[in-house]
Protein backbone atom coordinates (compact mmCIF):
# COMPACT_ATOMS: atom_id res chain seq x y z
CA UNK A 1 25.09 -8.88 -26.54
CA UNK A 2 25.19 -7.11 -23.17
CA UNK A 3 22.15 -5.18 -21.99
CA UNK A 4 22.80 -2.41 -19.45
CA UNK A 5 19.93 -1.15 -17.36
CA UNK A 6 19.99 1.37 -14.54
CA UNK A 7 17.50 0.70 -11.78
CA UNK A 8 16.86 3.50 -9.33
CA UNK A 9 15.20 2.50 -6.10
CA UNK A 10 12.36 4.80 -5.01
CA UNK A 11 14.24 6.43 -2.10
CA UNK A 12 17.55 6.96 -3.90
CA UNK A 13 19.09 10.30 -2.80
CA UNK A 14 17.03 10.37 0.42
CA UNK A 15 19.26 10.71 3.50
CA UNK A 16 18.24 9.22 6.85
CA UNK A 17 19.81 9.52 10.32
CA UNK A 18 18.77 6.60 12.52
CA UNK A 19 19.15 7.09 16.28
CA UNK A 20 16.82 4.12 16.88
CA UNK A 21 17.67 1.31 19.27
CA UNK A 22 16.16 -2.10 19.93
CA UNK A 23 13.72 -3.07 17.15
CA UNK A 24 11.20 -0.60 15.77
CA UNK A 25 13.46 2.39 15.03
CA UNK A 26 16.23 0.38 13.35
CA UNK A 27 13.61 -1.69 11.49
CA UNK A 28 12.01 1.42 9.96
CA UNK A 29 15.43 2.69 8.88
CA UNK A 30 16.23 -0.77 7.48
CA UNK A 31 13.13 -0.64 5.28
CA UNK A 32 14.06 2.85 4.05
CA UNK A 33 17.58 1.60 3.28
CA UNK A 34 16.15 -1.36 1.37
CA UNK A 35 14.18 1.17 -0.69
CA UNK A 36 17.40 2.97 -1.63
CA UNK A 37 17.86 5.60 1.08
CA UNK A 38 21.32 6.38 2.44
CA UNK A 39 21.05 5.60 6.14
CA UNK A 40 23.51 6.52 8.90
CA UNK A 41 22.82 4.55 12.09
CA UNK A 42 24.06 6.08 15.36
CA UNK A 43 25.07 3.81 18.24
CA UNK A 44 26.35 4.83 21.69
CA UNK A 45 30.07 4.28 22.38
CA UNK A 46 29.41 0.86 23.90
CA UNK A 47 27.58 -0.39 20.83
CA UNK A 48 23.86 -1.19 20.38
CA UNK A 49 21.72 -0.98 23.50
CA UNK A 50 20.22 -4.34 22.48
CA UNK A 51 22.96 -6.92 22.04
CA UNK A 52 21.32 -9.32 19.62
CA UNK A 53 22.21 -11.21 16.42
CA UNK A 54 19.12 -9.49 14.96
CA UNK A 55 21.17 -6.30 14.66
CA UNK A 56 22.94 -7.82 11.65
CA UNK A 57 19.62 -7.68 9.83
CA UNK A 58 18.23 -4.49 11.36
CA UNK A 59 21.35 -2.54 10.43
CA UNK A 60 21.92 -3.93 6.95
CA UNK A 61 22.62 -1.42 4.19
CA UNK A 62 23.52 1.24 6.78
CA UNK A 63 26.61 3.24 7.65
CA UNK A 64 27.20 2.85 11.40
CA UNK A 65 28.83 5.52 13.54
CA UNK A 66 29.42 5.72 17.28
CA UNK A 67 28.56 8.99 19.04
CA UNK A 68 28.34 9.90 22.71
CA UNK A 69 25.16 11.96 22.81
CA UNK A 70 25.80 12.71 26.48
CA UNK A 71 28.81 14.81 25.48
CA UNK A 72 28.81 18.24 23.85
CA UNK A 73 31.05 17.00 21.06
CA UNK A 74 28.79 14.05 20.32
CA UNK A 75 25.69 16.24 20.12
CA UNK A 76 27.48 18.66 17.77
CA UNK A 77 28.44 15.76 15.51
CA UNK A 78 24.87 14.47 15.57
CA UNK A 79 23.47 17.89 14.66
CA UNK A 80 25.95 18.12 11.79
CA UNK A 81 24.64 14.81 10.44
CA UNK A 82 21.04 16.01 10.79
CA UNK A 83 21.80 19.15 8.76
CA UNK A 84 22.29 16.92 5.71
CA UNK A 85 19.32 14.64 6.40
CA UNK A 86 15.81 14.37 4.96
CA UNK A 87 14.54 12.07 7.72
CA UNK A 88 15.61 11.66 11.35
CA UNK A 89 14.44 8.66 13.41
CA UNK A 90 14.54 8.07 17.16
CA UNK A 91 12.87 5.54 19.45
CA UNK A 92 13.49 6.75 23.00
CA UNK A 93 10.99 7.81 25.64
CA UNK A 94 9.31 11.17 24.97
CA UNK A 95 11.62 14.07 25.84
CA UNK A 96 14.88 12.11 25.92
CA UNK A 97 16.26 13.49 22.64
CA UNK A 98 15.39 17.06 23.64
CA UNK A 99 17.16 16.66 26.99
CA UNK A 100 20.23 15.46 25.09
CA UNK A 101 20.18 18.65 23.02
CA UNK A 102 18.44 17.37 19.88
CA UNK A 103 15.08 19.14 19.78
CA UNK A 104 13.02 17.97 16.79
CA UNK A 105 10.60 20.89 17.01
CA UNK A 106 13.43 23.43 17.01
CA UNK A 107 15.17 21.64 14.14
CA UNK A 108 12.01 21.78 12.04
CA UNK A 109 11.60 25.48 12.76
CA UNK A 110 15.05 25.98 11.23
CA UNK A 111 14.45 23.56 8.34
CA UNK A 112 10.74 23.04 7.72
CA UNK A 113 11.50 20.48 5.00
CA UNK A 114 12.89 18.08 7.63
CA UNK A 115 10.86 14.96 8.49
CA UNK A 116 11.28 13.70 12.05
CA UNK A 117 9.96 10.37 13.31
CA UNK A 118 9.65 9.42 16.99
CA UNK A 119 8.69 5.86 17.95
CA UNK A 120 8.24 5.85 21.74
CA UNK A 121 6.61 3.04 23.64
CA UNK A 122 3.81 5.31 24.90
CA UNK A 123 2.53 8.58 23.49
CA UNK A 124 4.07 11.87 24.60
CA UNK A 125 0.65 13.03 25.87
CA UNK A 126 0.15 9.87 27.95
CA UNK A 127 1.05 11.42 31.30
CA UNK A 128 0.70 8.10 33.15
CA UNK A 129 2.90 5.87 30.97
CA UNK A 130 5.16 8.02 28.79
CA UNK A 131 8.15 7.67 31.14
CA UNK A 132 7.85 3.90 31.53
CA UNK A 133 10.54 1.70 30.04
CA UNK A 134 8.39 0.25 27.29
CA UNK A 135 9.70 -3.26 26.77
CA UNK A 136 7.67 -5.46 24.43
CA UNK A 137 6.01 -7.28 27.34
CA UNK A 138 5.02 -3.97 28.98
CA UNK A 139 3.42 -2.75 25.75
CA UNK A 140 1.67 -6.09 25.22
CA UNK A 141 0.31 -6.16 28.77
CA UNK A 142 -1.08 -2.63 28.40
CA UNK A 143 -2.73 -3.55 25.09
CA UNK A 144 -4.54 -6.65 26.32
CA UNK A 145 -2.44 -9.05 24.25
CA UNK A 146 -2.15 -11.53 27.10
CA UNK A 147 -5.87 -11.48 27.96
CA UNK A 148 -8.02 -10.10 25.13
CA UNK A 149 -6.54 -11.70 22.00
CA UNK A 150 -9.69 -13.55 21.04
CA UNK A 151 -13.29 -14.48 21.80
CA UNK A 152 -12.35 -18.16 21.98
CA UNK A 153 -10.12 -17.57 24.96
CA UNK A 154 -12.85 -15.62 26.74
CA UNK A 155 -15.43 -18.38 26.27
CA UNK A 156 -13.00 -21.11 27.32
CA UNK A 157 -11.97 -19.17 30.41
CA UNK A 158 -8.29 -19.40 29.54
CA UNK A 159 -5.92 -17.57 31.85
CA UNK A 160 -3.70 -14.79 30.46
CA UNK A 161 -1.21 -16.29 28.03
CA UNK A 162 2.25 -14.79 27.46
CA UNK A 163 3.35 -14.24 23.87
CA UNK A 164 7.06 -13.66 23.11
CA UNK A 165 6.25 -12.09 19.74
CA UNK A 166 7.37 -8.43 19.42
CA UNK A 167 3.95 -7.39 18.18
CA UNK A 168 4.29 -3.76 19.29
CA UNK A 169 7.47 -3.25 17.29
CA UNK A 170 6.07 -5.15 14.31
CA UNK A 171 2.94 -3.02 14.00
CA UNK A 172 4.84 0.14 14.91
CA UNK A 173 7.46 -0.49 12.25
CA UNK A 174 4.96 -0.80 9.42
CA UNK A 175 2.89 2.23 10.47
CA UNK A 176 6.01 4.37 11.00
CA UNK A 177 7.64 3.33 7.72
CA UNK A 178 4.42 4.08 5.83
CA UNK A 179 4.10 7.44 7.59
CA UNK A 180 7.54 8.75 6.65
CA UNK A 181 7.20 7.62 3.03
CA UNK A 182 3.84 9.39 2.80
CA UNK A 183 5.42 12.47 4.38
CA UNK A 184 8.14 12.37 1.71
CA UNK A 185 5.49 12.17 -0.97
CA UNK A 186 3.60 15.12 0.52
CA UNK A 187 6.83 17.12 0.73
CA UNK A 188 7.25 16.83 -3.04
CA UNK A 189 4.01 18.80 -3.43
CA UNK A 190 4.26 21.25 -0.53
CA UNK A 191 7.97 21.54 0.26
CA UNK A 192 7.08 20.99 3.93
CA UNK A 193 8.31 18.14 6.08
CA UNK A 194 6.50 16.76 9.11
CA UNK A 195 6.91 15.79 12.77
CA UNK A 196 5.57 12.27 13.25
CA UNK A 197 5.06 10.23 16.42
CA UNK A 198 4.08 6.56 16.27
CA UNK A 199 3.76 5.16 19.84
CA UNK A 200 4.17 1.39 19.80
CA UNK A 201 1.22 0.82 22.12
CA UNK A 202 -1.03 2.83 19.77
CA UNK A 203 0.25 0.93 16.74
CA UNK A 204 -0.43 -2.37 18.47
CA UNK A 205 -3.97 -1.35 19.42
CA UNK A 206 -4.53 -0.24 15.82
CA UNK A 207 -3.55 -3.70 14.63
CA UNK A 208 -5.55 -5.60 17.23
CA UNK A 209 -8.68 -3.46 17.28
CA UNK A 210 -10.75 -6.30 15.81
CA UNK A 211 -10.08 -8.22 19.03
CA UNK A 212 -10.71 -5.48 21.54
CA UNK A 213 -12.97 -2.88 19.92
CA UNK A 214 -16.23 -2.20 21.74
CA UNK A 215 -19.11 -0.41 19.96
CA UNK A 216 -22.02 0.80 22.04
CA UNK A 217 -25.42 -0.09 20.63
CA UNK A 218 -24.02 -2.45 17.99
CA UNK A 219 -27.02 -3.92 16.07
CA UNK A 220 -27.64 -7.59 16.77
CA UNK A 221 -27.12 -8.54 13.12
CA UNK A 222 -23.44 -7.60 13.37
CA UNK A 223 -22.75 -9.74 16.44
CA UNK A 224 -21.21 -13.18 16.03
CA UNK A 225 -22.54 -16.25 17.80
CA UNK A 226 -19.57 -16.10 20.17
CA UNK A 227 -20.25 -12.48 21.10
CA UNK A 228 -23.90 -13.29 21.79
CA UNK A 229 -22.90 -16.28 23.93
CA UNK A 230 -20.46 -14.17 25.95
CA UNK A 231 -23.19 -11.57 26.56
CA UNK A 232 -25.70 -14.27 27.56
CA UNK A 233 -23.33 -15.91 30.04
CA UNK A 234 -22.39 -12.58 31.61
CA UNK A 235 -26.03 -11.51 31.99
CA UNK A 236 -27.02 -14.88 33.49
CA UNK A 237 -23.91 -15.12 35.65
CA UNK A 238 -22.74 -18.34 34.01
CA UNK A 239 -19.04 -19.28 33.94
CA UNK A 240 -16.87 -19.08 30.83
CA UNK A 241 -16.04 -22.77 30.69
CA UNK A 242 -16.73 -24.03 27.16
CA UNK A 243 -14.55 -26.88 26.01
CA UNK A 244 -13.00 -27.03 22.54
CA UNK A 245 -15.77 -29.13 20.95
CA UNK A 246 -18.54 -26.92 22.35
CA UNK A 247 -16.78 -23.85 21.05
CA UNK A 248 -16.71 -25.21 17.50
CA UNK A 249 -20.49 -24.94 17.25
CA UNK A 250 -20.29 -21.17 17.80
CA UNK A 251 -17.63 -20.40 15.24
CA UNK A 252 -18.28 -18.51 12.02
CA UNK A 253 -18.86 -21.20 9.35
CA UNK A 254 -16.43 -19.42 7.03
CA UNK A 255 -13.72 -19.06 9.65
CA UNK A 256 -13.22 -22.45 11.25
CA UNK A 257 -11.83 -25.96 10.83
CA UNK A 258 -13.66 -28.93 9.29
CA UNK A 259 -12.77 -32.60 9.19
CA UNK A 260 -12.33 -34.08 5.70
CA UNK A 261 -13.23 -37.63 4.63
CA UNK A 262 -9.61 -38.73 5.11
CA UNK A 263 -9.73 -37.58 8.75
CA UNK A 264 -7.49 -34.58 8.27
CA UNK A 265 -8.59 -31.07 9.21
CA UNK A 266 -9.30 -28.31 6.67
CA UNK A 267 -9.24 -24.67 7.77
CA UNK A 268 -11.62 -22.31 5.95
CA UNK A 269 -10.66 -18.63 6.07
CA UNK A 270 -13.23 -16.61 4.10
CA UNK A 271 -14.30 -13.77 6.39
CA UNK A 272 -15.17 -10.12 5.86
CA UNK A 273 -16.68 -10.13 2.37
CA UNK A 274 -19.71 -11.88 0.91
CA UNK A 275 -17.79 -12.80 -2.26
CA UNK A 276 -15.33 -14.81 -0.14
CA UNK A 277 -18.14 -16.90 1.29
CA UNK A 278 -19.85 -17.29 -2.09
CA UNK A 279 -16.68 -18.56 -3.78
CA UNK A 280 -16.00 -20.92 -0.90
CA UNK A 281 -19.47 -22.47 -1.19
CA UNK A 282 -19.06 -22.85 -4.96
CA UNK A 283 -15.68 -24.56 -4.60
CA UNK A 284 -17.17 -26.94 -2.05
CA UNK A 285 -20.10 -27.64 -4.37
CA UNK A 286 -22.68 -26.41 -1.84
CA UNK A 287 -23.84 -23.13 -3.34
CA UNK A 288 -26.56 -24.40 -5.70
CA UNK A 289 -27.84 -26.75 -3.01
CA UNK A 290 -28.23 -23.90 -0.52
CA UNK A 291 -29.96 -21.67 -3.09
CA UNK A 292 -32.39 -24.51 -3.81
CA UNK A 293 -33.12 -24.70 -0.07
CA UNK A 294 -34.06 -21.02 -0.02
CA UNK A 295 -30.86 -19.05 0.54
CA UNK A 296 -31.11 -15.68 -1.19
CA UNK A 297 -28.29 -13.47 -2.37
CA UNK A 298 -28.75 -9.93 -1.14
CA UNK A 299 -27.22 -7.25 -3.37
CA UNK A 300 -26.58 -5.04 -0.34
CA UNK A 301 -26.02 -6.87 2.95
CA UNK A 302 -25.44 -3.55 4.74
CA UNK A 303 -29.16 -2.78 4.62
CA UNK A 304 -31.18 -3.61 7.75
CA UNK A 305 -31.79 -7.36 7.83
CA UNK A 306 -35.53 -6.61 8.14
CA UNK A 307 -35.40 -5.48 4.50
CA UNK A 308 -33.69 -8.65 3.26
CA UNK A 309 -35.53 -11.11 1.02
CA UNK A 310 -35.06 -13.79 3.66
CA UNK A 311 -33.47 -14.10 7.09
CA UNK A 312 -30.11 -15.18 5.64
CA UNK A 313 -27.86 -14.31 2.74
């Protein structure tokens, strides 16, 4: 017996024109293609601006055409493609597409159901940086990736450390892909498209805010031991020179490494939620022992600690 089943991917019948180059733009279009969209990728006459084996993955499931957007004929061909599209993607510096003759705002005035996505390195309203060539290292340097990636590095006084990971494009891809899919969903209700901009530097800061966010007047109960130690050393003018072993004593007990009886290390990752910590203690067989020693379980740990049953939970 043969069973026939027709599976429609969620973006079947959605048409996408992908002018993106390098990573983020093509990666967003790749995700949309994986979800069933028909994607036409546009390269310049000389081929991709980034000559990399990664293009085989980034441009999978796409139709690839070559257009010279610096010629009148090429722009006309591009506009003809856009007329049939639901989504248009580009990843150049702000204003580049408009100077070439492809004005997203004007296109949406003619077809308000169109969804346009721009993924520049820096935001169009960032008058200082918007015209910079936003390579991954430039974005990372402007986001503090090389210096502010963690409290451990601050306390150990480690010099800026280069990371080759394309973090800006990675975060930008996921935020941009989510944005256009949500815009499609909204269009089903309203009939209106959207004009979306996802600057890579903003996407990266969104993803790394837990490393670099600063909150004025943050209550002491929310500060970690490492944050308190950094503040103390700065106030007292002491150097940031902790070694690895000294640092271990300041780590969150539910977010650090422990040595097992066999000498191997075990990494506990149970942050952010009291249930994580509770389950971890139960698995380790320590929960009942700690309760017997006086640890209470607060039903609402967001209340002021002065209202807790004890000074820990």
